[in-house]
C-alpha atoms as a PDB file:
ATOM      1  CA  MET A   1       9.242 -27.624  -6.986  1.00  0.00           C
ATOM      2  CA  GLN A   2      11.087 -24.773  -5.791  1.00  0.00           C
ATOM      3  CA  LYS A   3      12.157 -21.903  -7.769  1.00  0.00           C
ATOM      4  CA  SER A   4      15.007 -19.516  -7.976  1.00  0.00           C
ATOM      5  CA  LEU A   5      13.904 -15.804  -8.516  1.00  0.00           C
ATOM      6  CA  SER A   6      14.598 -16.329 -12.508  1.00  0.00           C
ATOM      7  CA  ASP A   7      11.803 -19.477 -12.619  1.00  0.00           C
ATOM      8  CA  LEU A   8       9.462 -16.356 -11.673  1.00  0.00           C
ATOM      9  CA  VAL A   9       6.981 -15.398 -14.311  1.00  0.00           C
ATOM     10  CA  PHE A  10       6.371 -11.623 -14.137  1.00  0.00           C
ATOM     11  CA  THR A  11       3.796  -9.148 -15.559  1.00  0.00           C
ATOM     12  CA  ASN A  12       2.416  -5.733 -14.532  1.00  0.00           C
ATOM     13  CA  ARG A  13      -1.044  -5.680 -14.403  1.00  0.00           C
ATOM     14  CA  PHE A  14      -1.009  -1.454 -13.454  1.00  0.00           C
ATOM     15  CA  TYR A  15       1.282  -0.808 -16.931  1.00  0.00           C
ATOM     16  CA  SER A  16      -1.682  -2.224 -18.975  1.00  0.00           C
ATOM     17  CA  LEU A  17      -3.482   0.754 -17.986  1.00  0.00           C
ATOM     18  CA  GLY A  18      -1.572   2.981 -19.882  1.00  0.00           C
ATOM     19  CA  ALA A  19       0.650   5.838 -19.900  1.00  0.00           C
ATOM     20  CA  ALA A  20      -2.231   8.165 -17.822  1.00  0.00           C
ATOM     21  CA  PHE A  21      -1.561   6.439 -14.541  1.00  0.00           C
ATOM     22  CA  PHE A  22       2.081   5.897 -13.941  1.00  0.00           C
ATOM     23  CA  THR A  23       5.341   7.415 -15.183  1.00  0.00           C
ATOM     24  CA  PRO A  24       8.028   5.323 -15.907  1.00  0.00           C
ATOM     25  CA  ALA A  25      11.171   4.297 -13.083  1.00  0.00           C
ATOM     26  CA  SER A  26      14.142   2.754 -12.694  1.00  0.00           C
ATOM     27  CA  PRO A  27      15.138   1.708  -9.466  1.00  0.00           C
ATOM     28  CA  GLN A  28      18.267   3.411  -8.165  1.00  0.00           C
ATOM     29  CA  GLY A  29      20.250   0.964  -6.727  1.00  0.00           C
ATOM     30  CA  LEU A  30      22.811   0.549  -3.290  1.00  0.00           C
ATOM     31  CA  ILE A  31      26.266   0.387  -3.234  1.00  0.00           C
ATOM     32  CA  GLU A  32      27.864  -2.913  -2.089  1.00  0.00           C
ATOM     33  CA  PRO A  33      24.476  -4.330  -0.098  1.00  0.00           C
ATOM     34  CA  GLN A  34      23.775  -6.525   1.842  1.00  0.00           C
ATOM     35  CA  PHE A  35      20.528  -7.971   3.281  1.00  0.00           C
ATOM     36  CA  ILE A  36      19.421  -7.107   7.248  1.00  0.00           C
ATOM     37  CA  CYS A  37      16.122  -9.192   7.564  1.00  0.00           C
ATOM     38  CA  THR A  38      14.491 -11.592   4.975  1.00  0.00           C
ATOM     39  CA  ASN A  39      11.241 -13.243   5.176  1.00  0.00           C
ATOM     40  CA  HIS A  40      11.381 -17.139   5.034  1.00  0.00           C
ATOM     41  CA  ALA A  41       7.946 -17.983   5.727  1.00  0.00           C
ATOM     42  CA  LEU A  42       7.116 -15.322   2.919  1.00  0.00           C
ATOM     43  CA  ALA A  43       9.777 -16.908   0.261  1.00  0.00           C
ATOM     44  CA  LYS A  44       8.164 -20.565   1.136  1.00  0.00           C
ATOM     45  CA  ASP A  45       4.907 -19.424   0.532  1.00  0.00           C
ATOM     46  CA  LEU A  46       5.878 -18.003  -2.983  1.00  0.00           C
ATOM     47  CA  GLY A  47       7.493 -21.042  -3.940  1.00  0.00           C
ATOM     48  CA  LEU A  48      11.170 -20.057  -3.618  1.00  0.00           C
ATOM     49  CA  ASP A  49      13.813 -22.236  -2.534  1.00  0.00           C
ATOM     50  CA  PRO A  50      15.158 -21.835   0.916  1.00  0.00           C
ATOM     51  CA  THR A  51      18.866 -21.122  -0.131  1.00  0.00           C
ATOM     52  CA  VAL A  52      17.599 -17.834  -2.528  1.00  0.00           C
ATOM     53  CA  PHE A  53      18.838 -15.805   0.115  1.00  0.00           C
ATOM     54  CA  THR A  54      22.054 -17.055   0.063  1.00  0.00           C
ATOM     55  CA  THR A  55      22.328 -15.894  -3.607  1.00  0.00           C
ATOM     56  CA  ASP A  56      24.077 -12.777  -5.278  1.00  0.00           C
ATOM     57  CA  ALA A  57      20.678 -12.578  -7.635  1.00  0.00           C
ATOM     58  CA  CYS A  58      18.432 -12.265  -5.094  1.00  0.00           C
ATOM     59  CA  LEU A  59      20.436  -9.696  -2.903  1.00  0.00           C
ATOM     60  CA  GLN A  60      21.232  -7.248  -6.305  1.00  0.00           C
ATOM     61  CA  PHE A  61      17.574  -7.895  -7.166  1.00  0.00           C
ATOM     62  CA  CYS A  62      15.927  -6.950  -3.634  1.00  0.00           C
ATOM     63  CA  SER A  63      19.101  -3.964  -3.472  1.00  0.00           C
ATOM     64  CA  GLY A  64      17.418  -2.209  -6.789  1.00  0.00           C
ATOM     65  CA  ASN A  65      20.135  -3.414  -8.926  1.00  0.00           C
ATOM     66  CA  LEU A  66      18.754  -6.169 -11.041  1.00  0.00           C
ATOM     67  CA  LEU A  67      16.024  -6.455 -13.017  1.00  0.00           C
ATOM     68  CA  LEU A  68      13.864  -9.397 -13.778  1.00  0.00           C
ATOM     69  CA  GLU A  69      12.328 -10.519 -16.866  1.00  0.00           C
ATOM     70  CA  GLY A  70       8.865  -9.286 -17.381  1.00  0.00           C
ATOM     71  CA  MET A  71       9.325  -6.876 -15.171  1.00  0.00           C
ATOM     72  CA  GLN A  72       8.303  -2.866 -16.545  1.00  0.00           C
ATOM     73  CA  PRO A  73       9.198  -0.539 -13.338  1.00  0.00           C
ATOM     74  CA  LEU A  74       7.331   2.270 -13.049  1.00  0.00           C
ATOM     75  CA  ALA A  75       5.755   4.818 -10.396  1.00  0.00           C
ATOM     76  CA  GLN A  76       1.915   5.690  -9.888  1.00  0.00           C
ATOM     77  CA  ALA A  77       0.238   8.439  -9.757  1.00  0.00           C
ATOM     78  CA  TYR A  78      -2.494   9.662  -7.100  1.00  0.00           C
ATOM     79  CA  ALA A  79      -3.416  12.493  -5.301  1.00  0.00           C
ATOM     80  CA  GLY A  80      -5.006  12.173  -1.691  1.00  0.00           C
ATOM     81  CA  HIS A  81      -6.136  14.065   1.650  1.00  0.00           C
ATOM     82  CA  GLN A  82      -3.223  14.800   4.205  1.00  0.00           C
ATOM     83  CA  LEU A  83      -4.250  15.914   7.145  1.00  0.00           C
ATOM     84  CA  GLY A  84      -7.546  16.550   5.556  1.00  0.00           C
ATOM     85  CA  LYS A  85      -6.061  18.777   3.374  1.00  0.00           C
ATOM     86  CA  PHE A  86      -6.354  17.941  -0.326  1.00  0.00           C
ATOM     87  CA  ASN A  87      -2.646  17.484  -2.338  1.00  0.00           C
ATOM     88  CA  PRO A  88      -2.936  16.895  -6.140  1.00  0.00           C
ATOM     89  CA  PHE A  89       0.261  16.915  -6.449  1.00  0.00           C
ATOM     90  CA  LEU A  90       1.486  13.134  -5.226  1.00  0.00           C
ATOM     91  CA  GLY A  91       2.419   9.684  -6.570  1.00  0.00           C
ATOM     92  CA  ASP A  92       4.959   7.013  -5.899  1.00  0.00           C
ATOM     93  CA  GLY A  93       8.196   9.615  -4.546  1.00  0.00           C
ATOM     94  CA  ARG A  94      10.242   6.601  -4.202  1.00  0.00           C
ATOM     95  CA  SER A  95       8.447   3.188  -4.938  1.00  0.00           C
ATOM     96  CA  VAL A  96       8.587   1.776  -8.096  1.00  0.00           C
ATOM     97  CA  LEU A  97       6.388  -1.093  -9.084  1.00  0.00           C
ATOM     98  CA  LEU A  98       8.468  -3.566 -10.818  1.00  0.00           C
ATOM     99  CA  GLY A  99       5.335  -6.043 -11.666  1.00  0.00           C
ATOM    100  CA  GLY A 100       3.662  -8.937 -10.320  1.00  0.00           C
ATOM    101  CA  ILE A 101       2.948 -12.698 -10.078  1.00  0.00           C
ATOM    102  CA  THR A 102      -0.047 -15.406 -10.558  1.00  0.00           C
ATOM    103  CA  THR A 103       0.794 -17.150  -6.943  1.00  0.00           C
ATOM    104  CA  GLU A 104      -1.759 -19.940  -4.467  1.00  0.00           C
ATOM    105  CA  GLN A 105      -2.309 -17.070  -3.063  1.00  0.00           C
ATOM    106  CA  GLY A 106      -3.468 -15.155  -6.181  1.00  0.00           C
ATOM    107  CA  TYR A 107      -1.707 -12.016  -7.820  1.00  0.00           C
ATOM    108  CA  LEU A 108       0.656 -10.477  -5.974  1.00  0.00           C
ATOM    109  CA  GLU A 109       2.303  -6.757  -6.750  1.00  0.00           C
ATOM    110  CA  TRP A 110       6.323  -6.711  -5.946  1.00  0.00           C
ATOM    111  CA  GLN A 111       7.359  -2.864  -5.323  1.00  0.00           C
ATOM    112  CA  LEU A 112      10.697  -1.317  -4.017  1.00  0.00           C
ATOM    113  CA  LYS A 113       9.978   1.142  -1.376  1.00  0.00           C
ATOM    114  CA  GLY A 114      13.575   3.392  -1.053  1.00  0.00           C
ATOM    115  CA  ALA A 115      14.692   3.250  -4.993  1.00  0.00           C
ATOM    116  CA  GLY A 116      15.120   6.682  -5.784  1.00  0.00           C
ATOM    117  CA  LYS A 117      13.645   9.823  -7.227  1.00  0.00           C
ATOM    118  CA  THR A 118      11.237   9.433  -9.369  1.00  0.00           C
ATOM    119  CA  ALA A 119       8.898  11.668 -11.019  1.00  0.00           C
ATOM    120  CA  TYR A 120       6.281  12.166  -8.285  1.00  0.00           C
ATOM    121  CA  ALA A 121       9.597  13.050  -5.401  1.00  0.00           C
ATOM    122  CA  ARG A 122       9.610  16.683  -6.141  1.00  0.00           C
ATOM    123  CA  HIS A 123      12.343  17.895  -3.948  1.00  0.00           C
ATOM    124  CA  ALA A 124      12.585  14.789  -1.979  1.00  0.00           C
ATOM    125  CA  ASP A 125      15.560  12.031  -2.789  1.00  0.00           C
ATOM    126  CA  GLY A 126      13.201   9.302  -2.786  1.00  0.00           C
ATOM    127  CA  LEU A 127      15.515   7.328  -0.774  1.00  0.00           C
ATOM    128  CA  ALA A 128      14.662   5.688   2.825  1.00  0.00           C
ATOM    129  CA  GLY A 129      16.977   5.102   5.837  1.00  0.00           C
ATOM    130  CA  LEU A 130      17.715   1.979   7.318  1.00  0.00           C
ATOM    131  CA  ASN A 131      15.975   3.243  10.951  1.00  0.00           C
ATOM    132  CA  GLU A 132      12.900   3.847   8.783  1.00  0.00           C
ATOM    133  CA  ALA A 133      12.369   0.584   6.417  1.00  0.00           C
ATOM    134  CA  LEU A 134      13.677  -1.481   9.897  1.00  0.00           C
ATOM    135  CA  HIS A 135      10.633  -0.089  11.729  1.00  0.00           C
ATOM    136  CA  GLU A 136       8.267  -0.221   8.271  1.00  0.00           C
ATOM    137  CA  TYR A 137       9.876  -4.235   8.256  1.00  0.00           C
ATOM    138  CA  ARG A 138       8.825  -5.030  12.280  1.00  0.00           C
ATOM    139  CA  MET A 139       5.306  -3.635  11.458  1.00  0.00           C
ATOM    140  CA  SER A 140       4.172  -5.866   9.244  1.00  0.00           C
ATOM    141  CA  GLU A 141       5.870  -8.720  11.271  1.00  0.00           C
ATOM    142  CA  GLN A 142       3.468  -7.720  13.886  1.00  0.00           C
ATOM    143  CA  LEU A 143       0.489  -7.167  11.716  1.00  0.00           C
ATOM    144  CA  VAL A 144       0.958 -10.592  10.110  1.00  0.00           C
ATOM    145  CA  ALA A 145       1.901 -12.501  13.173  1.00  0.00           C
ATOM    146  CA  LEU A 146      -2.166 -10.714  14.617  1.00  0.00           C
ATOM    147  CA  GLY A 147      -4.050 -11.766  11.112  1.00  0.00           C
ATOM    148  CA  VAL A 148      -4.116  -8.421   9.953  1.00  0.00           C
ATOM    149  CA  PRO A 149      -4.278  -7.614   6.511  1.00  0.00           C
ATOM    150  CA  THR A 150      -0.711  -5.957   5.598  1.00  0.00           C
ATOM    151  CA  VAL A 151       2.061  -5.273   2.947  1.00  0.00           C
ATOM    152  CA  LYS A 152       4.571  -8.200   3.289  1.00  0.00           C
ATOM    153  CA  TYR A 153       8.201  -7.751   3.347  1.00  0.00           C
ATOM    154  CA  LEU A 154      10.199 -10.231   1.253  1.00  0.00           C
ATOM    155  CA  ALA A 155      13.297  -8.384   2.172  1.00  0.00           C
ATOM    156  CA  LEU A 156      15.051  -5.294   3.715  1.00  0.00           C
ATOM    157  CA  THR A 157      18.848  -4.871   2.322  1.00  0.00           C
ATOM    158  CA  ALA A 158      21.136  -1.362   2.988  1.00  0.00           C
ATOM    159  CA  GLY A 159      24.181  -0.327   1.470  1.00  0.00           C
ATOM    160  CA  LYS A 160      26.968   1.952   1.836  1.00  0.00           C
ATOM    161  CA  ASN A 161      24.886   5.050   0.276  1.00  0.00           C
ATOM    162  CA  LEU A 162      24.415   7.413   2.904  1.00  0.00           C
ATOM    163  CA  VAL A 163      21.304   9.585   3.538  1.00  0.00           C
ATOM    164  CA  TYR A 164      20.931  12.061   6.262  1.00  0.00           C
ATOM    165  CA  ARG A 165      17.279  11.523   8.339  1.00  0.00           C
ATOM    166  CA  GLN A 166      17.844  13.246  11.832  1.00  0.00           C
ATOM    167  CA  GLY A 167      21.616  12.108  11.471  1.00  0.00           C
ATOM    168  CA  PHE A 168      23.291   9.991   8.837  1.00  0.00           C
ATOM    169  CA  GLN A 169      22.557   6.502   8.100  1.00  0.00           C
ATOM    170  CA  PRO A 170      22.720   3.748   5.614  1.00  0.00           C
ATOM    171  CA  ALA A 171      20.355   4.265   2.387  1.00  0.00           C
ATOM    172  CA  ALA A 172      18.301   0.716   2.362  1.00  0.00           C
ATOM    173  CA  ILE A 173      15.389  -0.704   0.426  1.00  0.00           C
ATOM    174  CA  LEU A 174      12.394  -2.938   1.245  1.00  0.00           C
ATOM    175  CA  THR A 175      10.862  -5.568  -0.727  1.00  0.00           C
ATOM    176  CA  ARG A 176       7.059  -5.243  -0.312  1.00  0.00           C
ATOM    177  CA  LEU A 177       4.284  -7.009  -1.607  1.00  0.00           C
ATOM    178  CA  ALA A 178       0.321  -6.957  -1.784  1.00  0.00           C
ATOM    179  CA  PRO A 179      -1.865  -7.534  -4.100  1.00  0.00           C
ATOM    180  CA  SER A 180      -2.463  -3.908  -5.295  1.00  0.00           C
ATOM    181  CA  PHE A 181      -1.137  -0.772  -4.446  1.00  0.00           C
ATOM    182  CA  ILE A 182      -4.196   1.255  -5.351  1.00  0.00           C
ATOM    183  CA  ARG A 183      -5.353   3.768  -3.112  1.00  0.00           C
ATOM    184  CA  PHE A 184      -8.091   6.118  -2.970  1.00  0.00           C
ATOM    185  CA  GLY A 185      -5.683   8.829  -4.024  1.00  0.00           C
ATOM    186  CA  HIS A 186      -5.642   7.113  -7.222  1.00  0.00           C
ATOM    187  CA  PHE A 187      -9.593   7.967  -7.963  1.00  0.00           C
ATOM    188  CA  GLU A 188      -9.281  11.446  -6.254  1.00  0.00           C
ATOM    189  CA  LEU A 189      -6.725  11.905  -8.833  1.00  0.00           C
ATOM    190  CA  TYR A 190      -9.053  11.593 -12.066  1.00  0.00           C
ATOM    191  CA  TYR A 191     -12.020  13.113 -10.134  1.00  0.00           C
ATOM    192  CA  PHE A 192     -10.381  16.074  -9.530  1.00  0.00           C
ATOM    193  CA  GLU A 193      -8.539  16.567 -12.849  1.00  0.00           C
ATOM    194  CA  ARG A 194     -12.284  15.779 -14.348  1.00  0.00           C
ATOM    195  CA  ASN A 195     -10.490  13.204 -15.921  1.00  0.00           C
ATOM    196  CA  TYR A 196     -14.004  10.521 -16.190  1.00  0.00           C
ATOM    197  CA  PRO A 197     -13.123   8.394 -18.771  1.00  0.00           C
ATOM    198  CA  GLU A 198      -9.753   7.529 -16.676  1.00  0.00           C
ATOM    199  CA  LEU A 199     -11.703   7.603 -13.484  1.00  0.00           C
ATOM    200  CA  GLN A 200     -14.158   5.232 -14.986  1.00  0.00           C
ATOM    201  CA  GLN A 201     -10.776   2.696 -16.487  1.00  0.00           C
ATOM    202  CA  LEU A 202      -9.751   2.718 -13.154  1.00  0.00           C
ATOM    203  CA  THR A 203     -12.646   1.199 -11.595  1.00  0.00           C
ATOM    204  CA  ASP A 204     -13.168  -1.236 -14.535  1.00  0.00           C
ATOM    205  CA  PHE A 205      -9.762  -2.558 -13.856  1.00  0.00           C
ATOM    206  CA  VAL A 206     -10.200  -3.027  -9.920  1.00  0.00           C
ATOM    207  CA  ILE A 207     -13.794  -4.155 -10.465  1.00  0.00           C
ATOM    208  CA  GLN A 208     -12.316  -6.847 -12.903  1.00  0.00           C
ATOM    209  CA  HIS A 209      -9.077  -7.971 -11.307  1.00  0.00           C
ATOM    210  CA  TYR A 210     -10.280  -7.596  -7.596  1.00  0.00           C
ATOM    211  CA  TYR A 211     -13.747  -7.689  -7.164  1.00  0.00           C
ATOM    212  CA  PRO A 212     -14.811  -9.790  -9.529  1.00  0.00           C
ATOM    213  CA  ALA A 213     -18.031 -10.741  -7.797  1.00  0.00           C
ATOM    214  CA  CYS A 214     -19.664  -7.427  -8.170  1.00  0.00           C
ATOM    215  CA  LEU A 215     -19.714  -7.862 -12.176  1.00  0.00           C
ATOM    216  CA  ASN A 216     -22.902 -10.329 -11.082  1.00  0.00           C
ATOM    217  CA  GLN A 217     -24.744  -7.141  -9.436  1.00  0.00           C
ATOM    218  CA  PRO A 218     -27.217  -5.288 -10.974  1.00  0.00           C
ATOM    219  CA  LYS A 219     -24.877  -2.288 -10.264  1.00  0.00           C
ATOM    220  CA  PRO A 220     -21.290  -3.338 -10.423  1.00  0.00           C
ATOM    221  CA  TYR A 221     -19.789   0.213  -9.025  1.00  0.00           C
ATOM    222  CA  ALA A 222     -22.396   0.386  -6.382  1.00  0.00           C
ATOM    223  CA  ALA A 223     -21.641  -2.974  -5.217  1.00  0.00           C
ATOM    224  CA  PHE A 224     -18.066  -2.291  -5.308  1.00  0.00           C
ATOM    225  CA  PHE A 225     -17.901   0.744  -3.335  1.00  0.00           C
ATOM    226  CA  GLN A 226     -19.941  -0.515  -0.492  1.00  0.00           C
ATOM    227  CA  THR A 227     -17.505  -3.970  -0.563  1.00  0.00           C
ATOM    228  CA  VAL A 228     -14.513  -1.622  -0.037  1.00  0.00           C
ATOM    229  CA  VAL A 229     -16.535   0.698   2.528  1.00  0.00           C
ATOM    230  CA  LYS A 230     -16.848  -2.775   4.799  1.00  0.00           C
ATOM    231  CA  ARG A 231     -13.296  -3.944   3.918  1.00  0.00           C
ATOM    232  CA  THR A 232     -12.418  -0.538   5.393  1.00  0.00           C
ATOM    233  CA  ALA A 233     -14.327  -0.788   8.317  1.00  0.00           C
ATOM    234  CA  HIS A 234     -13.582  -4.209   9.135  1.00  0.00           C
ATOM    235  CA  LEU A 235     -10.085  -3.104   8.439  1.00  0.00           C
ATOM    236  CA  ILE A 236     -10.203  -0.202  11.499  1.00  0.00           C
ATOM    237  CA  ALA A 237     -11.601  -2.340  13.699  1.00  0.00           C
ATOM    238  CA  GLN A 238      -9.052  -5.004  13.303  1.00  0.00           C
ATOM    239  CA  TRP A 239      -6.439  -2.337  14.111  1.00  0.00           C
ATOM    240  CA  GLN A 240      -8.495  -0.780  16.685  1.00  0.00           C
ATOM    241  CA  GLN A 241      -8.446  -4.173  18.500  1.00  0.00           C
ATOM    242  CA  VAL A 242      -4.918  -5.048  18.469  1.00  0.00           C
ATOM    243  CA  GLY A 243      -4.008  -1.452  19.659  1.00  0.00           C
ATOM    244  CA  PHE A 244      -2.314  -0.548  16.305  1.00  0.00           C
ATOM    245  CA  VAL A 245      -2.011   3.240  15.326  1.00  0.00           C
ATOM    246  CA  HIS A 246      -1.335   3.932  11.616  1.00  0.00           C
ATOM    247  CA  GLY A 247       0.114   7.082  12.447  1.00  0.00           C
ATOM    248  CA  MET A 248      -0.942   8.839   9.253  1.00  0.00           C
ATOM    249  CA  MET A 249      -4.215   8.094   7.399  1.00  0.00           C
ATOM    250  CA  ASN A 250      -4.386  10.334   4.602  1.00  0.00           C
ATOM    251  CA  THR A 251      -6.752   9.042   1.669  1.00  0.00           C
ATOM    252  CA  ASP A 252      -3.434   8.419  -0.317  1.00  0.00           C
ATOM    253  CA  ASN A 253      -2.232   5.725   2.660  1.00  0.00           C
ATOM    254  CA  GLN A 254      -5.863   3.831   2.126  1.00  0.00           C
ATOM    255  CA  SER A 255      -5.791   0.434   0.248  1.00  0.00           C
ATOM    256  CA  ILE A 256      -8.515   0.266  -1.903  1.00  0.00           C
ATOM    257  CA  LEU A 257      -8.379  -3.604  -0.841  1.00  0.00           C
ATOM    258  CA  GLY A 258      -8.971  -3.010   2.666  1.00  0.00           C
ATOM    259  CA  ILE A 259      -5.075  -3.938   4.011  1.00  0.00           C
ATOM    260  CA  SER A 260      -2.677  -1.821   5.794  1.00  0.00           C
ATOM    261  CA  LEU A 261      -0.336  -0.184   3.590  1.00  0.00           C
ATOM    262  CA  ASP A 262       2.413   2.553   4.536  1.00  0.00           C
ATOM    263  CA  LEU A 263       3.734   1.691   8.119  1.00  0.00           C
ATOM    264  CA  GLY A 264       6.171   4.058   8.499  1.00  0.00           C
ATOM    265  CA  GLU A 265       4.474   6.273  10.827  1.00  0.00           C
ATOM    266  CA  SER A 266       2.472   3.329  12.665  1.00  0.00           C
ATOM    267  CA  ALA A 267       3.323   2.301  16.346  1.00  0.00           C
ATOM    268  CA  PHE A 268       1.524   0.214  18.613  1.00  0.00           C
ATOM    269  CA  ASN A 269      -0.562   1.564  21.574  1.00  0.00           C
ATOM    270  CA  PRO A 270      -0.458  -1.267  24.592  1.00  0.00           C
ATOM    271  CA  GLU A 271      -2.278   0.668  27.043  1.00  0.00           C
ATOM    272  CA  TYR A 272      -5.131   1.425  24.480  1.00  0.00           C
ATOM    273  CA  ARG A 273      -4.838   5.260  25.302  1.00  0.00           C
ATOM    274  CA  PRO A 274      -7.607   7.031  23.259  1.00  0.00           C
ATOM    275  CA  ASP A 275      -5.061   9.975  22.679  1.00  0.00           C
ATOM    276  CA  PHE A 276      -2.717   8.409  21.703  1.00  0.00           C
ATOM    277  CA  VAL A 277      -0.649   9.762  18.152  1.00  0.00           C
ATOM    278  CA  SER A 278       2.223   8.214  16.582  1.00  0.00           C
ATOM    279  CA  SER A 279       3.355  10.603  13.648  1.00  0.00           C
ATOM    280  CA  SER A 280       5.229  13.760  15.396  1.00  0.00           C
ATOM    281  CA  ALA A 281       3.461  15.616  11.933  1.00  0.00           C
ATOM    282  CA  ASP A 282      -0.085  15.009  14.044  1.00  0.00           C
ATOM    283  CA  GLU A 283       0.128  18.248  16.151  1.00  0.00           C
ATOM    284  CA  LYS A 284      -3.434  18.266  16.735  1.00  0.00           C
ATOM    285  CA  GLY A 285      -4.208  14.019  16.791  1.00  0.00           C
ATOM    286  CA  ARG A 286      -6.217  14.112  13.731  1.00  0.00           C
ATOM    287  CA  TYR A 287      -5.138  10.532  13.689  1.00  0.00           C
ATOM    288  CA  ALA A 288      -5.218  10.076  17.194  1.00  0.00           C
ATOM    289  CA  PHE A 289      -6.115   5.712  18.149  1.00  0.00           C
ATOM    290  CA  SER A 290      -9.751   6.817  18.854  1.00  0.00           C
ATOM    291  CA  GLU A 291     -10.333   8.871  16.095  1.00  0.00           C
ATOM    292  CA  GLN A 292      -9.181   5.733  13.752  1.00  0.00           C
ATOM    293  CA  PRO A 293     -12.565   4.586  12.993  1.00  0.00           C
ATOM    294  CA  VAL A 294     -14.122   8.199  12.376  1.00  0.00           C
ATOM    295  CA  ILE A 295     -11.047   8.778   9.662  1.00  0.00           C
ATOM    296  CA  GLY A 296     -11.901   5.419   8.101  1.00  0.00           C
ATOM    297  CA  LEU A 297     -15.556   7.279   7.313  1.00  0.00           C
ATOM    298  CA  TRP A 298     -14.263  10.162   6.287  1.00  0.00           C
ATOM    299  CA  ASN A 299     -12.107   8.871   4.073  1.00  0.00           C
ATOM    300  CA  CYS A 300     -14.534   6.726   2.663  1.00  0.00           C
ATOM    301  CA  ASN A 301     -16.404  10.149   1.914  1.00  0.00           C
ATOM    302  CA  ILE A 302     -13.646  11.502   0.276  1.00  0.00           C
ATOM    303  CA  LEU A 303     -13.871   8.027  -2.264  1.00  0.00           C
ATOM    304  CA  ALA A 304     -17.492   8.930  -2.304  1.00  0.00           C
ATOM    305  CA  ARG A 305     -17.051  11.952  -3.658  1.00  0.00           C
ATOM    306  CA  ALA A 306     -14.302  10.462  -5.914  1.00  0.00           C
ATOM    307  CA  LEU A 307     -16.715   8.055  -7.540  1.00  0.00           C
ATOM    308  CA  SER A 308     -19.780  10.230  -7.544  1.00  0.00           C
ATOM    309  CA  PRO A 309     -19.245  10.486 -11.926  1.00  0.00           C
ATOM    310  CA  LEU A 310     -20.391   6.658 -11.910  1.00  0.00           C
ATOM    311  CA  LEU A 311     -22.386   6.045  -8.951  1.00  0.00           C
ATOM    312  CA  GLU A 312     -26.007   7.619  -7.940  1.00  0.00           C
ATOM    313  CA  ALA A 313     -26.227   9.810  -5.231  1.00  0.00           C
ATOM    314  CA  ALA A 314     -28.503   7.394  -3.243  1.00  0.00           C
ATOM    315  CA  ASP A 315     -26.189   4.400  -3.995  1.00  0.00           C
ATOM    316  CA  LEU A 316     -23.061   5.807  -2.707  1.00  0.00           C
ATOM    317  CA  LYS A 317     -25.230   7.173   0.432  1.00  0.00           C
ATOM    318  CA  ILE A 318     -26.820   3.623   1.116  1.00  0.00           C
ATOM    319  CA  ALA A 319     -23.277   1.849   1.143  1.00  0.00           C
ATOM    320  CA  LEU A 320     -21.540   4.805   3.187  1.00  0.00           C
ATOM    321  CA  GLN A 321     -24.578   3.754   5.759  1.00  0.00           C
ATOM    322  CA  THR A 322     -22.749  -0.061   5.836  1.00  0.00           C
ATOM    323  CA  TYR A 323     -19.864   1.298   7.397  1.00  0.00           C
ATOM    324  CA  GLU A 324     -20.848   2.185  11.237  1.00  0.00           C
ATOM    325  CA  PRO A 325     -22.342  -1.970  11.495  1.00  0.00           C
ATOM    326  CA  SER A 326     -19.551  -3.159   9.527  1.00  0.00           C
ATOM    327  CA  TYR A 327     -17.365  -1.640  12.112  1.00  0.00           C
ATOM    328  CA  LEU A 328     -19.513  -2.522  15.193  1.00  0.00           C
ATOM    329  CA  ALA A 329     -20.067  -6.609  13.965  1.00  0.00           C
ATOM    330  CA  ALA A 330     -16.006  -6.124  13.515  1.00  0.00           C
ATOM    331  CA  VAL A 331     -14.573  -4.901  16.384  1.00  0.00           C
ATOM    332  CA  ASP A 332     -16.989  -6.710  18.630  1.00  0.00           C
ATOM    333  CA  SER A 333     -15.971 -10.272  17.085  1.00  0.00           C
ATOM    334  CA  PRO A 334     -13.510 -12.311  18.681  1.00  0.00           C
ATOM    335  CA  ARG A 335      -9.979 -12.937  17.497  1.00  0.00           C
END
């Protein structure tokens, strides 16, 4: 039976972690919104009626003007290494996690990006311009078509609101879905703050919901970290195979599940040039195409340090040593 949006049963797994992990946040809606892009294939996978995008309720929801029953909107707290330097003051500055639903493909979280200022926005406005949002939407579509694990977008809306991004353009909101938006930077935050009980709580949460097979291992934390290392290596091998350049491989953009997140600075490198850089902020080429495999391992080392209160040093080392063979096996495999 095909569903309307109101038929979806939302919960918020992340909310259950408690107040140390987020700040409540309400989306800032768009004025007189309209759909720019809609993902009918994803809607079908979710069991939604194909006419869902013709309804005003769907338009208002995807524009931040309407919340659905069961949603508990929040902005996640995290830290991260940006261009190699640690920043303890990050978090969802312009994204609001609404909640998630259980589907045939598993649990999927829904997030609005560009939904306005949150407690972590600092001096930014928390909004997104149409041009950057459209680029991110299209990059996701291409990665999905290539079979590369990535965040998916249900819709892109724009309104009469204007934002200044090298000139004025309409404000836009992306409705994006992923099993989880937890990043390496989440773990870094609690390690940096020496909040080891919260660090353990977060790790237990991720293992329980996303790596349950690790619970059957003699050392669940070691098994978890090793699996994350292998997934990260496999993801970046897929990037290299298709000529994808993420552009900003900060640890706060590195998914704990091994999927492609935050595609705003990304691009394809059709000529596979080693020195290809897709972000103007990367002046020294830290995240150039040829450097991505090395940076993936560097990011895993940062995660290892964040998890060090929970794992023995020998187990961290063993896990990190699986990165290179996992990457080489994946990059040499046929697509």
